Amino acid sequence: MDQLFNKAEFYLALQSCGLGVIVGVIFAIFGLKPPSPDNIAGIMGIVGIFFGWVIMGYYFK
């Protein structure tokens, strides 16, 4: 059975999450609003970009 993540991908995901937390703390310290969309349309646009990247990566491999 294929694993969802191998060790390298899991560690990379943890590092990315940790970096996101650090950047979030920096934004909070300076009282800045994080650079993210405020509505569902913006969030779905980001999700669509990601899925487009995944689909095209699958077809071009």
Protein backbone atom coordinates (compact mmCIF):
# COMPACT_ATOMS: atom_id res chain seq x y z
CA MET A 1 0.00 0.00 0.00
CA ASP A 2 1.31 3.45 -0.89
CA GLN A 3 2.00 5.78 1.98
CA LEU A 4 0.45 9.21 2.01
CA PHE A 5 3.80 10.75 3.01
CA ASN A 6 7.28 9.34 3.10
CA LYS A 7 9.68 10.55 5.80
CA ALA A 8 11.30 13.26 3.71
CA GLU A 9 7.94 14.74 2.67
CA PHE A 10 6.67 14.59 6.25
CA TYR A 11 9.73 16.46 7.57
CA LEU A 12 9.42 19.03 4.81
CA ALA A 13 5.76 19.58 5.73
CA LEU A 14 6.70 20.00 9.40
CA GLN A 15 9.43 22.50 8.48
CA SER A 16 6.97 24.46 6.36
CA CYS A 17 4.46 24.50 9.19
CA GLY A 18 7.13 25.65 11.65
CA LEU A 19 8.22 28.44 9.31
CA GLY A 20 4.59 29.51 8.94
CA VAL A 21 4.22 29.70 12.72
CA ILE A 22 7.39 31.80 13.01
CA VAL A 23 6.21 34.19 10.29
CA GLY A 24 2.81 34.40 11.99
CA VAL A 25 4.47 35.32 15.28
CA ILE A 26 6.49 38.05 13.54
CA PHE A 27 3.33 39.47 11.98
CA ALA A 28 1.60 39.41 15.38
CA ILE A 29 4.53 41.14 17.13
CA PHE A 30 4.46 44.02 14.65
CA GLY A 31 0.64 44.17 14.64
CA LEU A 32 0.36 43.40 10.96
CA LYS A 33 -2.44 41.53 9.28
CA PRO A 34 -1.23 38.29 7.64
CA PRO A 35 -1.21 38.35 3.82
CA SER A 36 -4.22 36.11 3.25
CA PRO A 37 -7.58 36.54 1.54
CA ASP A 38 -10.46 37.66 3.73
CA ASN A 39 -13.25 35.87 1.89
CA ILE A 40 -14.07 32.42 0.57
CA ALA A 41 -13.54 33.47 -3.06
CA GLY A 42 -9.91 34.34 -2.39
CA ILE A 43 -9.31 31.10 -0.50
CA MET A 44 -10.90 29.03 -3.28
CA GLY A 45 -8.71 30.85 -5.81
CA ILE A 46 -5.60 29.73 -3.91
CA VAL A 47 -6.94 26.16 -3.72
CA GLY A 48 -7.64 26.26 -7.47
CA ILE A 49 -4.10 27.40 -8.23
CA PHE A 50 -2.75 24.52 -6.15
CA PHE A 51 -4.95 21.92 -7.86
CA GLY A 52 -4.02 23.29 -11.28
CA TRP A 53 -0.35 22.93 -10.38
CA VAL A 54 -0.88 19.35 -9.14
CA ILE A 55 -2.86 18.31 -12.23
CA MET A 56 -0.38 19.80 -14.69
CA GLY A 57 2.53 18.26 -12.78
CA TYR A 58 0.83 14.88 -13.07
CA TYR A 59 0.35 15.18 -16.83
CA PHE A 60 3.86 16.48 -17.59
CA LYS A 61 5.73 13.78 -15.64
